[in-house]
């Protein structure tokens, strides 16, 4: 059985290591593999704790299948992700949650519908927190980005809100 559990200090270590160390969306400073350290892991935990206080949920969910972590989703209002300002297709809307990351941990679990299932469960939880829409930057040229490829989102009924040569902003109305 698949379930999404909100990130908290008790389950934070169940977030994939790559995601625990990643502060790409939370900063506008240069991002490299070298910038992903244990220090950023501490900053990341503080970020999730801030989300819990300010938004009423941890700003992300860990996906568990048969009680084992298999994926991770990060989403919150775009104001908590300053790096969104760097994208040519424009800022996400204020009425939407911004999906910063949807990550399936093991390659062999990808392209089997797990991402779609995680997305659908996540949408249900976002609706419970009052969000009216979900937006993300989906990549045209490759699936190698935090949120995933454009085709995945179009298949899941997102619409292109503002196009771009490689990273269009896509939106799904949740009402």
C-alpha atoms as a PDB file:
ATOM      1  CA  UNK A   1       0.000   0.000   0.000  1.00  0.00           C
ATOM      2  CA  UNK A   2       1.259   3.485  -0.898  1.00  0.00           C
ATOM      3  CA  UNK A   3       0.922   6.374   1.533  1.00  0.00           C
ATOM      4  CA  UNK A   4       2.332   9.878   1.829  1.00  0.00           C
ATOM      5  CA  UNK A   5       3.449  11.070   5.228  1.00  0.00           C
ATOM      6  CA  UNK A   6       4.263  14.718   5.859  1.00  0.00           C
ATOM      7  CA  UNK A   7       7.907  15.499   6.552  1.00  0.00           C
ATOM      8  CA  UNK A   8       8.739  16.037  10.212  1.00  0.00           C
ATOM      9  CA  UNK A   9      11.844  15.804  12.409  1.00  0.00           C
ATOM     10  CA  UNK A  10      11.106  12.148  13.191  1.00  0.00           C
ATOM     11  CA  UNK A  11      10.978  10.938   9.571  1.00  0.00           C
ATOM     12  CA  UNK A  12      13.315  13.495   7.976  1.00  0.00           C
ATOM     13  CA  UNK A  13      16.090  10.885   7.617  1.00  0.00           C
ATOM     14  CA  UNK A  14      13.738   8.834   5.379  1.00  0.00           C
ATOM     15  CA  UNK A  15      13.989  11.504   2.685  1.00  0.00           C
ATOM     16  CA  UNK A  16      16.442  10.279   0.015  1.00  0.00           C
ATOM     17  CA  UNK A  17      19.963  11.537   0.801  1.00  0.00           C
ATOM     18  CA  UNK A  18      20.133  13.463  -2.468  1.00  0.00           C
ATOM     19  CA  UNK A  19      16.952  15.350  -1.519  1.00  0.00           C
ATOM     20  CA  UNK A  20      17.950  15.868   2.132  1.00  0.00           C
ATOM     21  CA  UNK A  21      21.074  17.722   0.992  1.00  0.00           C
ATOM     22  CA  UNK A  22      19.477  19.730  -1.812  1.00  0.00           C
ATOM     23  CA  UNK A  23      18.707  23.421  -1.262  1.00  0.00           C
ATOM     24  CA  UNK A  24      18.365  24.266  -4.962  1.00  0.00           C
ATOM     25  CA  UNK A  25      14.939  25.889  -4.705  1.00  0.00           C
ATOM     26  CA  UNK A  26      15.486  27.509  -1.297  1.00  0.00           C
ATOM     27  CA  UNK A  27      18.443  29.643  -2.354  1.00  0.00           C
ATOM     28  CA  UNK A  28      19.550  31.775  -5.255  1.00  0.00           C
ATOM     29  CA  UNK A  29      23.247  31.078  -4.704  1.00  0.00           C
ATOM     30  CA  UNK A  30      25.169  28.883  -7.115  1.00  0.00           C
ATOM     31  CA  UNK A  31      24.105  25.249  -6.910  1.00  0.00           C
ATOM     32  CA  UNK A  32      26.586  22.445  -7.512  1.00  0.00           C
ATOM     33  CA  UNK A  33      27.041  18.881  -6.335  1.00  0.00           C
ATOM     34  CA  UNK A  34      29.691  20.214  -3.948  1.00  0.00           C
ATOM     35  CA  UNK A  35      27.097  22.483  -2.311  1.00  0.00           C
ATOM     36  CA  UNK A  36      25.081  19.441  -1.217  1.00  0.00           C
ATOM     37  CA  UNK A  37      26.586  18.650   2.185  1.00  0.00           C
ATOM     38  CA  UNK A  38      25.597  17.650   5.694  1.00  0.00           C
ATOM     39  CA  UNK A  39      25.483  21.375   6.495  1.00  0.00           C
ATOM     40  CA  UNK A  40      22.762  21.847   3.914  1.00  0.00           C
ATOM     41  CA  UNK A  41      20.946  18.874   5.445  1.00  0.00           C
ATOM     42  CA  UNK A  42      20.691  20.829   8.705  1.00  0.00           C
ATOM     43  CA  UNK A  43      19.423  23.884   6.790  1.00  0.00           C
ATOM     44  CA  UNK A  44      16.936  21.666   5.002  1.00  0.00           C
ATOM     45  CA  UNK A  45      15.499  20.308   8.246  1.00  0.00           C
ATOM     46  CA  UNK A  46      15.095  23.879   9.509  1.00  0.00           C
ATOM     47  CA  UNK A  47      13.265  24.741   6.287  1.00  0.00           C
ATOM     48  CA  UNK A  48      10.791  21.888   6.801  1.00  0.00           C
ATOM     49  CA  UNK A  49      10.265  22.958  10.408  1.00  0.00           C
ATOM     50  CA  UNK A  50       9.540  26.503   9.212  1.00  0.00           C
ATOM     51  CA  UNK A  51       6.983  25.120   6.767  1.00  0.00           C
ATOM     52  CA  UNK A  52       5.309  23.218   9.599  1.00  0.00           C
ATOM     53  CA  UNK A  53       4.994  26.420  11.645  1.00  0.00           C
ATOM     54  CA  UNK A  54       3.997  28.769   8.826  1.00  0.00           C
ATOM     55  CA  UNK A  55       1.930  26.510   6.556  1.00  0.00           C
ATOM     56  CA  UNK A  56       0.567  23.852   8.902  1.00  0.00           C
ATOM     57  CA  UNK A  57       2.403  21.026   7.155  1.00  0.00           C
ATOM     58  CA  UNK A  58       6.060  20.239   6.547  1.00  0.00           C
ATOM     59  CA  UNK A  59       6.302  21.448   2.934  1.00  0.00           C
ATOM     60  CA  UNK A  60       6.809  17.933   1.647  1.00  0.00           C
ATOM     61  CA  UNK A  61       5.770  14.321   1.840  1.00  0.00           C
ATOM     62  CA  UNK A  62       7.665  11.054   1.938  1.00  0.00           C
ATOM     63  CA  UNK A  63       6.106   8.267  -0.130  1.00  0.00           C
ATOM     64  CA  UNK A  64       6.092   4.863   1.560  1.00  0.00           C
ATOM     65  CA  UNK A  65       5.227   1.591  -0.144  1.00  0.00           C
ATOM     66  CA  UNK A  66       4.767  -1.343   2.231  1.00  0.00           C
ATOM     67  CA  UNK A  67       6.281   0.852   4.969  1.00  0.00           C
ATOM     68  CA  UNK A  68       9.499   1.506   2.987  1.00  0.00           C
ATOM     69  CA  UNK A  69      10.370   4.970   1.639  1.00  0.00           C
ATOM     70  CA  UNK A  70      10.196   4.965  -2.168  1.00  0.00           C
ATOM     71  CA  UNK A  71       9.860   8.629  -3.073  1.00  0.00           C
ATOM     72  CA  UNK A  72       9.661  12.230  -2.029  1.00  0.00           C
ATOM     73  CA  UNK A  73       7.521  15.233  -2.951  1.00  0.00           C
ATOM     74  CA  UNK A  74       8.266  18.824  -1.991  1.00  0.00           C
ATOM     75  CA  UNK A  75       5.648  21.529  -2.431  1.00  0.00           C
ATOM     76  CA  UNK A  76       4.723  24.809  -0.752  1.00  0.00           C
ATOM     77  CA  UNK A  77       3.802  28.354  -1.762  1.00  0.00           C
ATOM     78  CA  UNK A  78       6.342  29.675  -4.274  1.00  0.00           C
ATOM     79  CA  UNK A  79       7.447  32.456  -1.918  1.00  0.00           C
ATOM     80  CA  UNK A  80       9.403  29.787  -0.003  1.00  0.00           C
ATOM     81  CA  UNK A  81      11.395  28.916  -3.145  1.00  0.00           C
ATOM     82  CA  UNK A  82      13.382  32.026  -4.152  1.00  0.00           C
ATOM     83  CA  UNK A  83      15.102  30.241  -7.044  1.00  0.00           C
ATOM     84  CA  UNK A  84      11.813  30.246  -8.988  1.00  0.00           C
ATOM     85  CA  UNK A  85      12.732  33.834  -9.909  1.00  0.00           C
ATOM     86  CA  UNK A  86      15.516  32.483 -12.128  1.00  0.00           C
ATOM     87  CA  UNK A  87      13.168  30.802 -14.643  1.00  0.00           C
ATOM     88  CA  UNK A  88      12.322  32.577 -17.900  1.00  0.00           C
ATOM     89  CA  UNK A  89       8.738  31.323 -17.959  1.00  0.00           C
ATOM     90  CA  UNK A  90       7.902  33.555 -14.985  1.00  0.00           C
ATOM     91  CA  UNK A  91       7.001  33.225 -11.350  1.00  0.00           C
ATOM     92  CA  UNK A  92       4.470  30.677 -10.138  1.00  0.00           C
ATOM     93  CA  UNK A  93       1.090  32.066  -9.105  1.00  0.00           C
ATOM     94  CA  UNK A  94       0.384  33.154  -5.538  1.00  0.00           C
ATOM     95  CA  UNK A  95      -2.743  30.969  -5.353  1.00  0.00           C
ATOM     96  CA  UNK A  96      -0.832  27.789  -6.195  1.00  0.00           C
ATOM     97  CA  UNK A  97       1.406  25.374  -4.379  1.00  0.00           C
ATOM     98  CA  UNK A  98       4.723  25.070  -6.189  1.00  0.00           C
ATOM     99  CA  UNK A  99       5.918  21.507  -6.764  1.00  0.00           C
ATOM    100  CA  UNK A 100       9.683  21.749  -6.363  1.00  0.00           C
ATOM    101  CA  UNK A 101      10.503  18.049  -6.420  1.00  0.00           C
ATOM    102  CA  UNK A 102       8.855  14.732  -7.223  1.00  0.00           C
ATOM    103  CA  UNK A 103      11.478  12.045  -6.871  1.00  0.00           C
ATOM    104  CA  UNK A 104      11.256   8.260  -7.120  1.00  0.00           C
ATOM    105  CA  UNK A 105      14.304   6.837  -5.355  1.00  0.00           C
ATOM    106  CA  UNK A 106      15.100   3.736  -7.393  1.00  0.00           C
ATOM    107  CA  UNK A 107      15.440   3.710 -11.163  1.00  0.00           C
ATOM    108  CA  UNK A 108      13.624   0.362 -11.413  1.00  0.00           C
ATOM    109  CA  UNK A 109      10.530   1.929  -9.773  1.00  0.00           C
ATOM    110  CA  UNK A 110      10.259   4.713 -12.356  1.00  0.00           C
ATOM    111  CA  UNK A 111       7.896   4.708 -15.350  1.00  0.00           C
ATOM    112  CA  UNK A 112       5.540   2.271 -13.617  1.00  0.00           C
ATOM    113  CA  UNK A 113       2.853   4.720 -12.470  1.00  0.00           C
ATOM    114  CA  UNK A 114       4.304   5.355  -9.026  1.00  0.00           C
ATOM    115  CA  UNK A 115       4.924   9.057  -9.765  1.00  0.00           C
ATOM    116  CA  UNK A 116       1.332   9.498 -10.941  1.00  0.00           C
ATOM    117  CA  UNK A 117       0.009   7.785  -7.839  1.00  0.00           C
ATOM    118  CA  UNK A 118       2.210   9.913  -5.574  1.00  0.00           C
ATOM    119  CA  UNK A 119       1.084  13.032  -7.440  1.00  0.00           C
ATOM    120  CA  UNK A 120      -2.616  12.142  -7.025  1.00  0.00           C
ATOM    121  CA  UNK A 121      -2.284  11.441  -3.297  1.00  0.00           C
ATOM    122  CA  UNK A 122      -0.260  14.632  -2.886  1.00  0.00           C
ATOM    123  CA  UNK A 123      -2.955  16.640  -4.681  1.00  0.00           C
ATOM    124  CA  UNK A 124      -5.567  15.307  -2.257  1.00  0.00           C
ATOM    125  CA  UNK A 125      -3.431  16.441   0.668  1.00  0.00           C
ATOM    126  CA  UNK A 126      -2.770  19.863  -0.891  1.00  0.00           C
ATOM    127  CA  UNK A 127      -6.512  20.381  -1.337  1.00  0.00           C
ATOM    128  CA  UNK A 128      -6.957  19.663   2.372  1.00  0.00           C
ATOM    129  CA  UNK A 129      -4.530  22.519   3.060  1.00  0.00           C
ATOM    130  CA  UNK A 130      -6.587  24.901   0.932  1.00  0.00           C
ATOM    131  CA  UNK A 131      -4.529  25.089  -2.250  1.00  0.00           C
ATOM    132  CA  UNK A 132      -6.503  25.845  -5.426  1.00  0.00           C
ATOM    133  CA  UNK A 133      -3.799  24.926  -7.946  1.00  0.00           C
ATOM    134  CA  UNK A 134      -0.449  23.211  -8.341  1.00  0.00           C
ATOM    135  CA  UNK A 135       2.340  24.572 -10.549  1.00  0.00           C
ATOM    136  CA  UNK A 136       5.840  23.466 -11.479  1.00  0.00           C
ATOM    137  CA  UNK A 137       8.574  23.954 -14.061  1.00  0.00           C
ATOM    138  CA  UNK A 138       8.562  20.825 -16.216  1.00  0.00           C
ATOM    139  CA  UNK A 139      11.459  20.111 -18.525  1.00  0.00           C
ATOM    140  CA  UNK A 140      10.961  19.574 -22.246  1.00  0.00           C
ATOM    141  CA  UNK A 141      14.387  18.252 -23.208  1.00  0.00           C
ATOM    142  CA  UNK A 142      15.020  15.684 -20.466  1.00  0.00           C
ATOM    143  CA  UNK A 143      13.550  13.996 -17.419  1.00  0.00           C
ATOM    144  CA  UNK A 144      16.674  15.010 -15.519  1.00  0.00           C
ATOM    145  CA  UNK A 145      15.291  17.754 -13.285  1.00  0.00           C
ATOM    146  CA  UNK A 146      13.744  17.845  -9.810  1.00  0.00           C
ATOM    147  CA  UNK A 147      10.098  17.891 -10.826  1.00  0.00           C
ATOM    148  CA  UNK A 148      10.234  15.692 -13.912  1.00  0.00           C
ATOM    149  CA  UNK A 149       9.504  15.811 -17.629  1.00  0.00           C
ATOM    150  CA  UNK A 150       6.802  17.870 -19.317  1.00  0.00           C
ATOM    151  CA  UNK A 151       5.128  14.756 -20.739  1.00  0.00           C
ATOM    152  CA  UNK A 152       4.464  13.430 -17.236  1.00  0.00           C
ATOM    153  CA  UNK A 153       2.552  16.574 -16.280  1.00  0.00           C
ATOM    154  CA  UNK A 154       0.614  16.846 -19.538  1.00  0.00           C
ATOM    155  CA  UNK A 155      -0.408  13.195 -19.094  1.00  0.00           C
ATOM    156  CA  UNK A 156      -1.683  14.145 -15.622  1.00  0.00           C
ATOM    157  CA  UNK A 157      -3.887  16.997 -16.945  1.00  0.00           C
ATOM    158  CA  UNK A 158      -1.572  19.929 -16.262  1.00  0.00           C
ATOM    159  CA  UNK A 159      -1.736  22.731 -18.821  1.00  0.00           C
ATOM    160  CA  UNK A 160       1.115  24.919 -19.987  1.00  0.00           C
ATOM    161  CA  UNK A 161       0.577  28.276 -18.325  1.00  0.00           C
ATOM    162  CA  UNK A 162       3.656  30.020 -19.747  1.00  0.00           C
ATOM    163  CA  UNK A 163       5.818  28.341 -22.342  1.00  0.00           C
ATOM    164  CA  UNK A 164       9.603  28.371 -22.500  1.00  0.00           C
ATOM    165  CA  UNK A 165      12.233  26.806 -24.727  1.00  0.00           C
ATOM    166  CA  UNK A 166      12.984  24.155 -22.066  1.00  0.00           C
ATOM    167  CA  UNK A 167      11.192  24.853 -18.731  1.00  0.00           C
ATOM    168  CA  UNK A 168       7.563  25.867 -19.215  1.00  0.00           C
ATOM    169  CA  UNK A 169       5.490  26.669 -16.144  1.00  0.00           C
ATOM    170  CA  UNK A 170       2.638  24.162 -15.973  1.00  0.00           C
ATOM    171  CA  UNK A 171      -0.518  24.366 -13.867  1.00  0.00           C
ATOM    172  CA  UNK A 172      -3.225  22.039 -12.617  1.00  0.00           C
ATOM    173  CA  UNK A 173      -6.416  23.482 -11.170  1.00  0.00           C
ATOM    174  CA  UNK A 174      -7.289  21.582  -7.983  1.00  0.00           C
ATOM    175  CA  UNK A 175     -10.919  22.717  -7.588  1.00  0.00           C
END
